[in-house]
Amino acid sequence: MEPFYTKFKEVLTSVLPIIVIVILLNFTLTPMGNLILFRFLLGSLVVILGLTIFLVGVDLGINPIGNEMGSAMTKRNKVWLVVTAGLILGFLVSIAEPDLHILAAQIDLVSDGVVNKQGVILVVSVGIAIMLALGFLRILYNIPLYIILTILYGVVLLLSFFTTKEYLAISFDASGATTGALTVPFILALASGISNLKRDSKASEKDSFGLVGIASTGAIIAVMVMSLLSGAQHISGGLDVGLMASGTILEPFLYQFPIVAGEILVALGPIAFVFFVFQPGAFKLPGRMVRRIIFGLMFTYVGLVLFLTGVHSGFMTVGSNVGYMLASLDNQAYLVIVGFILGVVSILAEPAVSVLTHQIEDVTKGYVPRVLVMSTLAIGVGIAVALSTLRIMIPELQLWHYLLPGYLIAIMLMYITPKLFVGIAFDSGGVASGPMTATFILAFAQGAAEAIEGADVLVDGFGLIAMVAMTPLIALQLLGLVFKIKSKKEGVE
């Protein structure tokens, strides 16, 4: 029961601030009616329960599979095996990522089906798979991370000149959404399994970071290539905010549950299949460990179904409503202020951020306190969400006005920041863009874009996850510089 209690406390801490903010707004600036509010509260309860079960399942099942597969790949000492495994595992784990399913569903909805949900999931998963294989090769051949990232983001910059505004926002959001609650632990486990077998402990420590950062570029490049190959021109769409809800409280839940259950069975099934195929010959785990992994996979499935049902049935709808109603007020400053607050609380409450900040404090032996890291990230992400709302309000502001200088700064910092922090920073983009960003705050931005005249939901409603994912790249590398300067002053090697 201890793992359940720990995860429940983490998830409750993550979701509760959003619930409190929605209730306060309902009785002040954005009254929504009882039916929508009760659906939100029920959806929040299902989200909390589902995310708790899911995270326990990831610890019991997904992480051990990742570690075993990472170790098994390198024991064979065959490059072709490592590349093939990277392609297969990258595709399978990405196609099951809940945040990607949520984003793809929103893209499908807002574009009126022009950009198909399953198409987005498949294309992004292929991109992740290719980059994961490249990341494995980097670890094996000791290629510096900053060189790989410079080349990859150079490719992204080149492709961005030929990508439409709609697909540009979607591509960067796909990057942040893909590195979510399932993908990040699995990829980190694979990286740990591979890098731990290297004899150089310092190299192993550095190589255990950065794989998520490399993999996430695959999503950006894949969506950009998809837009070029499809010959997509400018597409338009809209969002049905649904301010006047009808039916019963349970109706959307009963409708979504069987759909989600079928989709997740198809998504998670291949991961389980691959494990059981390789268990007798490659892993040879004891029966107790196998039973533990089976229970973990079952928990992952049940939790994922509940989480996505809650998200689609009541949670995201309120996010859209709040964004729409705040943007409709005479004083649109409320939209920016609430956006900033949502950004801050989503990071402060994100369980993975807490893990990351502890990790940084341990690695730097306390020279960079976790409180400093946490507050830097919270303010940075709050500003990122606030800037995203300004972009919705001001038609002249475009996404690349933020991303181009932001990523140029991040890439330049790679060459002067301690290399350990480069890996941590680029991995942390996935940590920052967690479940609350991919669900509530994304819906909040889209609702605002629907309400503001001159804004386009496809162009301006997306891009927020990209902003949130970019913030840690700069913030944590700057902290790495602080650590470097502080260490030199105190004579620490």
Protein backbone atom coordinates (compact mmCIF):
# COMPACT_ATOMS: atom_id res chain seq x y z
CA MET A 1 0.00 0.00 0.00
CA GLU A 2 2.97 2.33 0.54
CA PRO A 3 3.63 2.89 -3.21
CA PHE A 4 -0.07 3.74 -3.75
CA TYR A 5 -0.10 6.19 -0.86
CA THR A 6 3.10 7.91 -2.03
CA LYS A 7 1.90 8.25 -5.63
CA PHE A 8 -1.60 9.32 -4.52
CA LYS A 9 -0.09 12.11 -2.42
CA GLU A 10 2.07 13.24 -5.35
CA VAL A 11 -0.84 13.25 -7.81
CA LEU A 12 -3.22 14.94 -5.38
CA THR A 13 -0.64 17.67 -4.82
CA SER A 14 -0.38 18.06 -8.59
CA VAL A 15 -4.10 18.28 -9.38
CA LEU A 16 -5.46 20.02 -6.24
CA PRO A 17 -4.14 23.53 -7.08
CA ILE A 18 -5.94 23.40 -10.44
CA ILE A 19 -9.17 22.32 -8.72
CA VAL A 20 -8.92 25.18 -6.18
CA ILE A 21 -8.26 27.76 -8.93
CA VAL A 22 -11.24 26.52 -10.99
CA ILE A 23 -13.59 26.66 -7.98
CA LEU A 24 -12.44 30.18 -7.10
CA LEU A 25 -12.88 31.32 -10.72
CA ASN A 26 -16.32 29.67 -10.90
CA PHE A 27 -17.56 31.84 -8.05
CA THR A 28 -15.86 35.03 -9.29
CA LEU A 29 -14.81 35.69 -12.90
CA THR A 30 -15.97 32.61 -14.83
CA PRO A 31 -19.24 31.08 -13.55
CA MET A 32 -19.81 27.84 -15.48
CA GLY A 33 -22.99 26.28 -14.15
CA ASN A 34 -23.43 23.26 -11.90
CA LEU A 35 -23.38 20.55 -14.57
CA ILE A 36 -20.00 21.57 -16.01
CA LEU A 37 -18.54 22.10 -12.53
CA PHE A 38 -19.72 18.69 -11.25
CA ARG A 39 -18.35 16.98 -14.36
CA PHE A 40 -15.04 18.73 -13.73
CA LEU A 41 -14.95 17.59 -10.11
CA LEU A 42 -15.82 14.01 -11.08
CA GLY A 43 -13.29 14.15 -13.92
CA SER A 44 -10.64 15.42 -11.49
CA LEU A 45 -11.36 12.52 -9.13
CA VAL A 46 -11.02 10.01 -11.98
CA VAL A 47 -7.81 11.75 -13.17
CA ILE A 48 -6.29 11.54 -9.66
CA LEU A 49 -7.23 7.89 -9.24
CA GLY A 50 -6.12 6.94 -12.76
CA LEU A 51 -2.80 8.81 -12.63
CA THR A 52 -2.00 7.25 -9.25
CA ILE A 53 -2.62 3.69 -10.50
CA PHE A 54 -0.75 4.46 -13.73
CA LEU A 55 2.38 5.76 -11.99
CA VAL A 56 2.47 2.75 -9.66
CA GLY A 57 2.20 0.54 -12.75
CA VAL A 58 5.08 2.38 -14.43
CA ASP A 59 7.30 1.75 -11.40
CA LEU A 60 6.33 -1.92 -11.16
CA GLY A 61 6.25 -2.82 -14.85
CA ILE A 62 7.52 -0.26 -17.36
CA ASN A 63 10.73 0.79 -15.59
CA PRO A 64 11.99 -2.78 -14.96
CA ILE A 65 11.29 -3.66 -18.60
CA GLY A 66 13.28 -0.60 -19.70
CA ASN A 67 16.23 -1.46 -17.45
CA GLU A 68 16.30 -5.10 -18.54
CA MET A 69 16.05 -4.22 -22.22
CA GLY A 70 18.78 -1.58 -21.93
CA SER A 71 21.13 -4.04 -20.23
CA ALA A 72 20.29 -6.92 -22.57
CA MET A 73 20.99 -4.79 -25.67
CA THR A 74 24.53 -3.88 -24.66
CA LYS A 75 25.50 -7.30 -23.29
CA ARG A 76 25.29 -8.63 -26.85
CA ASN A 77 27.74 -5.91 -27.96
CA LYS A 78 26.15 -5.67 -31.41
CA VAL A 79 25.48 -2.23 -32.83
CA TRP A 80 22.75 -3.42 -35.20
CA LEU A 81 20.88 -4.92 -32.24
CA VAL A 82 21.06 -1.68 -30.29
CA VAL A 83 19.80 0.34 -33.28
CA THR A 84 16.99 -2.11 -34.04
CA ALA A 85 15.92 -2.25 -30.41
CA GLY A 86 15.96 1.55 -30.21
CA LEU A 87 13.70 1.81 -33.24
CA ILE A 88 11.22 -0.78 -31.95
CA LEU A 89 11.13 0.35 -28.32
CA GLY A 90 11.01 4.05 -29.20
CA PHE A 91 8.01 3.47 -31.44
CA LEU A 92 6.16 1.24 -28.95
CA VAL A 93 6.61 3.43 -25.89
CA SER A 94 5.76 6.65 -27.76
CA ILE A 95 2.58 5.22 -29.25
CA ALA A 96 1.35 4.46 -25.71
CA GLU A 97 2.22 7.89 -24.24
CA PRO A 98 -0.91 9.45 -22.67
CA ASP A 99 0.14 13.07 -23.23
CA LEU A 100 0.58 12.37 -26.96
CA HIS A 101 -2.90 10.81 -27.14
CA ILE A 102 -4.35 13.93 -25.50
CA LEU A 103 -2.53 16.32 -27.83
CA ALA A 104 -3.39 14.29 -30.94
CA ALA A 105 -7.07 14.20 -29.93
CA GLN A 106 -7.06 18.00 -29.51
CA ILE A 107 -5.40 18.49 -32.90
CA ASP A 108 -7.99 16.21 -34.53
CA LEU A 109 -10.83 18.05 -32.77
CA VAL A 110 -9.66 21.58 -33.50
CA SER A 111 -8.78 20.85 -37.15
CA ASP A 112 -12.16 19.13 -37.73
CA GLY A 113 -10.35 15.88 -38.56
CA VAL A 114 -8.08 17.37 -41.25
CA VAL A 115 -5.07 16.41 -39.13
CA ASN A 116 -5.97 12.88 -38.08
CA LYS A 117 -5.35 11.75 -34.49
CA GLN A 118 -3.92 8.32 -35.36
CA GLY A 119 -1.77 9.87 -38.08
CA VAL A 120 -0.19 12.29 -35.61
CA ILE A 121 0.48 9.49 -33.10
CA LEU A 122 2.09 7.24 -35.72
CA VAL A 123 4.24 9.96 -37.30
CA VAL A 124 5.49 11.27 -33.96
CA SER A 125 6.23 7.73 -32.74
CA VAL A 126 8.35 7.05 -35.83
CA GLY A 127 10.31 10.25 -35.18
CA ILE A 128 10.88 9.31 -31.54
CA ALA A 129 12.02 5.82 -32.57
CA ILE A 130 14.65 7.11 -35.01
CA MET A 131 16.05 9.60 -32.52
CA LEU A 132 16.08 7.07 -29.69
CA ALA A 133 18.22 4.77 -31.85
CA LEU A 134 20.52 7.74 -32.58
CA GLY A 135 20.69 8.45 -28.84
CA PHE A 136 21.78 4.87 -28.14
CA LEU A 137 24.57 5.20 -30.70
CA ARG A 138 25.70 8.45 -29.06
CA ILE A 139 26.07 6.65 -25.72
CA LEU A 140 27.93 3.70 -27.24
CA TYR A 141 30.36 5.84 -29.24
CA ASN A 142 30.79 8.62 -26.63
CA ILE A 143 29.66 11.36 -29.03
CA PRO A 144 29.30 14.67 -27.11
CA LEU A 145 25.67 15.54 -26.46
CA TYR A 146 26.04 19.21 -27.41
CA ILE A 147 27.26 18.28 -30.90
CA ILE A 148 24.28 15.99 -31.55
CA LEU A 149 21.79 18.57 -30.25
CA THR A 150 23.36 21.38 -32.29
CA ILE A 151 23.00 19.33 -35.49
CA LEU A 152 19.42 18.25 -34.69
CA TYR A 153 18.21 21.75 -33.84
CA GLY A 154 19.98 23.01 -36.96
CA VAL A 155 17.80 20.59 -38.95
CA VAL A 156 14.74 21.85 -37.05
CA LEU A 157 15.63 25.45 -37.87
CA LEU A 158 16.06 24.61 -41.56
CA LEU A 159 12.73 22.74 -41.75
CA SER A 160 10.92 25.54 -39.92
CA PHE A 161 11.37 27.84 -42.92
CA PHE A 162 9.25 25.46 -45.02
CA THR A 163 6.64 24.54 -42.38
CA THR A 164 3.27 26.28 -42.15
CA LYS A 165 2.38 28.23 -39.00
CA GLU A 166 -0.19 25.62 -37.97
CA TYR A 167 2.22 22.70 -38.24
CA LEU A 168 5.04 24.68 -36.60
CA ALA A 169 3.03 25.04 -33.38
CA ILE A 170 1.87 21.42 -33.50
CA SER A 171 5.40 20.08 -34.08
CA PHE A 172 6.92 21.78 -31.03
CA ASP A 173 3.92 20.86 -28.88
CA ALA A 174 4.31 17.24 -29.99
CA SER A 175 7.88 17.33 -28.71
CA GLY A 176 6.82 18.46 -25.24
CA ALA A 177 3.81 16.14 -25.09
CA THR A 178 5.68 13.04 -26.22
CA THR A 179 8.18 13.22 -23.38
CA GLY A 180 5.51 12.51 -20.78
CA ALA A 181 4.64 10.28 -17.85
CA LEU A 182 5.24 6.97 -19.67
CA THR A 183 7.98 7.84 -22.17
CA VAL A 184 10.37 9.67 -19.82
CA PRO A 185 10.70 6.91 -17.16
CA PHE A 186 11.04 4.23 -19.86
CA ILE A 187 13.69 6.13 -21.86
CA LEU A 188 15.61 7.06 -18.69
CA ALA A 189 15.54 3.40 -17.65
CA LEU A 190 16.88 2.37 -21.07
CA ALA A 191 19.62 5.02 -20.88
CA SER A 192 20.57 3.89 -17.39
CA GLY A 193 20.67 0.25 -18.47
CA ILE A 194 23.01 1.04 -21.35
CA SER A 195 25.27 3.66 -19.74
CA ASN A 196 25.75 1.70 -16.48
CA LEU A 197 27.60 -1.02 -18.37
CA LYS A 198 30.32 1.43 -19.40
CA ARG A 199 33.49 1.27 -17.37
CA ASP A 200 33.97 5.02 -17.03
CA SER A 201 31.67 6.03 -14.15
CA LYS A 202 31.83 9.76 -14.98
CA ALA A 203 30.91 9.08 -18.60
CA SER A 204 28.14 6.80 -17.39
CA GLU A 205 26.74 9.56 -15.17
CA LYS A 206 26.68 12.08 -18.02
CA ASP A 207 25.31 9.60 -20.56
CA SER A 208 22.34 8.74 -18.35
CA PHE A 209 21.02 12.23 -19.17
CA GLY A 210 20.24 13.67 -22.61
CA LEU A 211 18.49 10.73 -24.27
CA VAL A 212 15.05 12.26 -23.67
CA GLY A 213 16.28 15.54 -25.13
CA ILE A 214 17.50 13.80 -28.30
CA ALA A 215 14.32 11.72 -28.63
CA SER A 216 12.07 14.77 -28.29
CA THR A 217 13.60 16.38 -31.39
CA GLY A 218 12.29 13.41 -33.34
CA ALA A 219 8.72 14.57 -32.71
CA ILE A 220 9.47 18.07 -34.04
CA ILE A 221 11.23 16.86 -37.16
CA ALA A 222 8.63 14.14 -37.87
CA VAL A 223 5.66 16.55 -37.80
CA MET A 224 7.53 19.08 -39.93
CA VAL A 225 8.39 16.39 -42.49
CA MET A 226 4.75 15.23 -42.40
CA SER A 227 3.59 18.75 -43.30
CA LEU A 228 6.04 18.90 -46.22
CA LEU A 229 5.22 15.44 -47.60
CA SER A 230 1.47 15.97 -47.31
CA GLY A 231 1.75 19.28 -49.16
CA ALA A 232 -0.40 20.80 -46.43
CA GLN A 233 -1.47 24.35 -47.00
CA HIS A 234 -2.86 26.61 -44.31
CA ILE A 235 -5.63 24.79 -42.46
CA SER A 236 -8.28 26.29 -40.23
CA GLY A 237 -10.58 25.01 -37.56
CA GLY A 238 -12.47 25.90 -34.45
CA LEU A 239 -13.28 24.73 -30.95
CA ASP A 240 -16.71 23.96 -29.53
CA VAL A 241 -16.21 25.37 -26.05
CA GLY A 242 -19.51 23.95 -24.80
CA LEU A 243 -20.47 26.66 -22.32
CA MET A 244 -24.01 25.24 -22.19
CA ALA A 245 -23.63 21.57 -21.29
CA SER A 246 -26.54 19.14 -21.51
CA GLY A 247 -27.29 15.57 -20.53
CA THR A 248 -26.34 13.83 -17.28
CA ILE A 249 -23.11 14.14 -15.30
CA LEU A 250 -22.04 10.59 -16.20
CA GLU A 251 -22.92 10.71 -19.90
CA PRO A 252 -19.50 11.76 -21.29
CA PHE A 253 -17.71 9.31 -18.96
CA LEU A 254 -19.81 6.36 -20.15
CA TYR A 255 -19.24 7.41 -23.77
CA GLN A 256 -15.45 7.85 -23.49
CA PHE A 257 -14.59 4.80 -21.35
CA PRO A 258 -14.98 2.00 -23.96
CA ILE A 259 -13.29 4.10 -26.68
CA VAL A 260 -10.27 4.85 -24.49
CA ALA A 261 -10.10 1.26 -23.21
CA GLY A 262 -9.81 -0.08 -26.77
CA GLU A 263 -7.21 2.49 -27.84
CA ILE A 264 -4.96 1.88 -24.83
CA LEU A 265 -5.17 -1.90 -25.23
CA VAL A 266 -3.84 -1.51 -28.76
CA ALA A 267 -1.17 0.97 -27.58
CA LEU A 268 0.16 -0.98 -24.58
CA GLY A 269 -0.22 -4.48 -26.00
CA PRO A 270 2.97 -4.43 -28.13
CA ILE A 271 5.16 -3.45 -25.15
CA ALA A 272 3.87 -6.43 -23.17
CA PHE A 273 4.26 -8.68 -26.22
CA VAL A 274 7.91 -7.70 -26.77
CA PHE A 275 8.72 -8.32 -23.10
CA PHE A 276 7.19 -11.80 -23.04
CA VAL A 277 8.88 -12.75 -26.33
CA PHE A 278 12.34 -11.84 -25.00
CA GLN A 279 11.84 -12.98 -21.39
CA PRO A 280 12.74 -16.69 -21.86
CA GLY A 281 15.87 -16.11 -23.95
CA ALA A 282 17.29 -12.65 -23.20
CA PHE A 283 16.06 -11.57 -19.75
CA LYS A 284 15.51 -14.85 -17.86
CA LEU A 285 13.99 -13.01 -14.92
CA PRO A 286 12.84 -15.03 -11.89
CA GLY A 287 9.13 -15.86 -11.64
CA ARG A 288 8.57 -13.37 -8.82
CA MET A 289 9.94 -10.53 -10.92
CA VAL A 290 7.84 -11.56 -13.92
CA ARG A 291 4.67 -11.58 -11.81
CA ARG A 292 5.56 -8.14 -10.49
CA ILE A 293 5.96 -6.81 -14.05
CA ILE A 294 2.63 -8.38 -15.12
CA PHE A 295 0.86 -6.63 -12.24
CA GLY A 296 2.67 -3.41 -13.21
CA LEU A 297 1.44 -3.65 -16.82
CA MET A 298 -2.11 -4.28 -15.61
CA PHE A 299 -1.96 -1.24 -13.31
CA THR A 300 -0.51 0.85 -16.15
CA TYR A 301 -3.41 -0.13 -18.41
CA VAL A 302 -6.18 0.46 -15.86
CA GLY A 303 -4.66 3.73 -14.68
CA LEU A 304 -4.17 5.02 -18.22
CA VAL A 305 -7.77 4.24 -19.18
CA LEU A 306 -9.14 6.02 -16.09
CA PHE A 307 -6.81 8.99 -16.53
CA LEU A 308 -7.70 9.61 -20.19
CA THR A 309 -11.41 9.05 -19.53
CA GLY A 310 -11.35 11.68 -16.79
CA VAL A 311 -9.36 14.09 -18.95
CA HIS A 312 -11.70 13.88 -21.96
CA SER A 313 -14.95 13.74 -19.99
CA GLY A 314 -14.77 16.74 -17.69
CA PHE A 315 -11.28 18.01 -16.98
CA MET A 316 -10.22 19.61 -20.28
CA THR A 317 -13.67 21.02 -21.04
CA VAL A 318 -13.42 23.30 -18.02
CA GLY A 319 -9.94 24.40 -19.11
CA SER A 320 -11.40 25.54 -22.44
CA ASN A 321 -14.33 27.26 -20.70
CA VAL A 322 -12.10 29.16 -18.28
CA GLY A 323 -9.81 30.34 -21.09
CA TYR A 324 -12.78 31.36 -23.26
CA MET A 325 -14.58 33.28 -20.50
CA LEU A 326 -11.46 35.10 -19.25
CA ALA A 327 -10.58 36.13 -22.82
CA SER A 328 -14.14 37.43 -23.27
CA LEU A 329 -13.86 39.84 -20.31
CA ASP A 330 -13.35 43.54 -20.96
CA ASN A 331 -10.10 43.47 -19.01
CA GLN A 332 -7.96 40.80 -20.68
CA ALA A 333 -5.21 41.28 -18.12
CA TYR A 334 -7.04 38.61 -16.11
CA LEU A 335 -6.16 36.10 -18.83
CA VAL A 336 -2.43 36.84 -18.52
CA ILE A 337 -2.49 36.81 -14.70
CA VAL A 338 -4.39 33.51 -14.46
CA GLY A 339 -2.10 32.04 -17.13
CA PHE A 340 0.96 32.97 -15.07
CA ILE A 341 -0.56 31.46 -11.90
CA LEU A 342 -1.49 28.23 -13.73
CA GLY A 343 2.08 27.93 -15.03
CA VAL A 344 3.59 28.41 -11.57
CA VAL A 345 1.31 25.96 -9.74
CA SER A 346 1.58 23.31 -12.45
CA ILE A 347 5.36 23.19 -12.03
CA LEU A 348 5.41 23.48 -8.24
CA ALA A 349 2.97 20.58 -8.02
CA GLU A 350 4.51 18.39 -10.75
CA PRO A 351 5.89 15.21 -9.07
CA ALA A 352 8.60 14.70 -11.70
CA VAL A 353 9.94 18.22 -11.08
CA SER A 354 10.42 17.36 -7.42
CA VAL A 355 12.42 14.27 -8.43
CA LEU A 356 14.52 16.32 -10.84
CA THR A 357 15.32 19.05 -8.30
CA HIS A 358 16.43 16.48 -5.72
CA GLN A 359 18.61 14.88 -8.39
CA ILE A 360 20.29 18.19 -9.24
CA GLU A 361 20.91 18.94 -5.55
CA ASP A 362 22.50 15.51 -5.10
CA VAL A 363 24.67 15.77 -8.23
CA THR A 364 25.97 19.22 -7.23
CA LYS A 365 26.39 18.13 -3.59
CA GLY A 366 24.11 20.93 -2.41
CA TYR A 367 25.85 23.77 -4.30
CA VAL A 368 22.67 24.33 -6.31
CA PRO A 369 19.81 24.08 -3.77
CA ARG A 370 16.58 22.47 -4.96
CA VAL A 371 14.56 25.47 -3.70
CA LEU A 372 16.48 27.69 -6.11
CA VAL A 373 15.92 25.25 -9.00
CA MET A 374 12.21 24.88 -8.19
CA SER A 375 11.57 28.62 -7.90
CA THR A 376 13.52 29.31 -11.12
CA LEU A 377 11.50 26.72 -13.04
CA ALA A 378 8.18 27.90 -11.55
CA ILE A 379 8.76 31.54 -12.47
CA GLY A 380 10.09 30.55 -15.90
CA VAL A 381 7.10 28.36 -16.74
CA GLY A 382 4.68 30.96 -15.35
CA ILE A 383 6.24 33.53 -17.69
CA ALA A 384 6.07 31.00 -20.57
CA VAL A 385 2.30 30.55 -20.13
CA ALA A 386 1.77 34.31 -19.69
CA LEU A 387 3.74 35.01 -22.90
CA SER A 388 1.61 32.39 -24.68
CA THR A 389 -1.57 34.24 -23.67
CA LEU A 390 -0.04 37.51 -24.94
CA ARG A 391 0.67 35.79 -28.27
CA ILE A 392 -3.03 34.87 -28.48
CA MET A 393 -4.08 38.45 -27.69
CA ILE A 394 -1.62 40.18 -30.06
CA PRO A 395 -1.93 38.93 -33.68
CA GLU A 396 1.51 40.31 -34.65
CA LEU A 397 3.25 38.06 -32.13
CA GLN A 398 4.08 34.65 -33.59
CA LEU A 399 5.42 31.47 -32.02
CA TRP A 400 8.80 31.68 -33.76
CA HIS A 401 9.36 35.12 -32.20
CA TYR A 402 9.70 33.23 -28.90
CA LEU A 403 11.16 29.89 -29.96
CA LEU A 404 13.91 31.10 -32.30
CA PRO A 405 15.77 33.31 -29.79
CA GLY A 406 14.94 30.87 -26.97
CA TYR A 407 16.49 27.85 -28.68
CA LEU A 408 19.45 29.89 -29.96
CA ILE A 409 20.21 30.91 -26.37
CA ALA A 410 19.79 27.28 -25.21
CA ILE A 411 22.16 25.99 -27.91
CA MET A 412 24.79 28.67 -27.20
CA LEU A 413 24.66 27.86 -23.47
CA MET A 414 25.50 24.21 -24.26
CA TYR A 415 29.04 25.23 -25.16
CA ILE A 416 29.80 26.95 -21.84
CA THR A 417 27.61 25.05 -19.36
CA PRO A 418 28.93 21.95 -17.51
CA LYS A 419 28.05 19.00 -19.74
CA LEU A 420 26.12 17.21 -16.99
CA PHE A 421 23.72 20.16 -16.81
CA VAL A 422 23.24 20.14 -20.59
CA GLY A 423 21.78 16.63 -20.38
CA ILE A 424 19.69 17.45 -17.32
CA ALA A 425 18.33 20.63 -18.92
CA PHE A 426 17.26 19.01 -22.19
CA ASP A 427 15.71 16.06 -20.34
CA SER A 428 13.81 18.42 -18.06
CA GLY A 429 11.75 19.86 -20.92
CA GLY A 430 9.69 16.66 -20.80
CA VAL A 431 9.48 16.90 -17.04
CA ALA A 432 8.12 20.46 -17.13
CA SER A 433 5.47 19.71 -19.76
CA GLY A 434 3.68 17.16 -17.57
CA PRO A 435 0.05 15.95 -17.40
CA MET A 436 -1.40 19.25 -16.16
CA THR A 437 0.25 21.23 -18.98
CA ALA A 438 -0.81 18.76 -21.67
CA THR A 439 -4.39 18.75 -20.44
CA PHE A 440 -5.78 21.73 -18.54
CA ILE A 441 -3.38 24.51 -19.56
CA LEU A 442 -3.41 23.48 -23.25
CA ALA A 443 -7.22 23.55 -23.21
CA PHE A 444 -7.08 26.92 -21.41
CA ALA A 445 -5.01 28.42 -24.27
CA GLN A 446 -7.29 26.98 -26.94
CA GLY A 447 -10.40 28.36 -25.24
CA ALA A 448 -8.78 31.80 -25.13
CA ALA A 449 -7.84 31.57 -28.83
CA GLU A 450 -11.44 30.70 -29.73
CA ALA A 451 -12.75 33.77 -27.87
CA ILE A 452 -10.32 36.43 -29.14
CA GLU A 453 -11.12 38.00 -32.50
CA GLY A 454 -8.26 37.62 -34.96
CA ALA A 455 -6.76 34.62 -33.16
CA ASP A 456 -6.60 31.19 -34.82
CA VAL A 457 -7.13 28.16 -32.58
CA LEU A 458 -4.76 26.02 -34.68
CA VAL A 459 -1.99 28.64 -34.82
CA ASP A 460 -2.39 30.40 -31.47
CA GLY A 461 -4.09 27.67 -29.41
CA PHE A 462 -1.10 25.36 -29.85
CA GLY A 463 2.51 26.20 -29.04
CA LEU A 464 2.00 26.55 -25.30
CA ILE A 465 3.52 23.14 -24.49
CA ALA A 466 6.50 24.13 -26.64
CA MET A 467 6.99 27.28 -24.55
CA VAL A 468 6.78 25.35 -21.29
CA ALA A 469 9.22 22.71 -22.57
CA MET A 470 11.71 25.37 -23.71
CA THR A 471 11.95 27.20 -20.36
CA PRO A 472 14.01 24.57 -18.48
CA LEU A 473 16.55 24.40 -21.32
CA ILE A 474 17.61 27.95 -20.51
CA ALA A 475 16.89 28.04 -16.76
CA LEU A 476 18.78 24.89 -15.80
CA GLN A 477 21.77 25.60 -18.03
CA LEU A 478 22.04 29.03 -16.40
CA LEU A 479 21.99 27.27 -13.04
CA GLY A 480 24.74 25.02 -14.36
CA LEU A 481 26.81 28.13 -15.04
CA VAL A 482 26.11 29.36 -11.51
CA PHE A 483 27.35 26.01 -10.18
CA LYS A 484 30.46 26.24 -12.37
CA ILE A 485 31.30 29.76 -11.21
CA LYS A 486 30.58 28.92 -7.58
CA SER A 487 32.74 25.79 -7.75
CA LYS A 488 35.69 27.72 -9.19
CA LYS A 489 35.43 30.39 -6.50
CA GLU A 490 35.47 27.77 -3.76
CA GLY A 491 38.20 25.71 -5.39
CA VAL A 492 35.99 22.71 -6.09
CA GLU A 493 37.18 20.57 -8.98
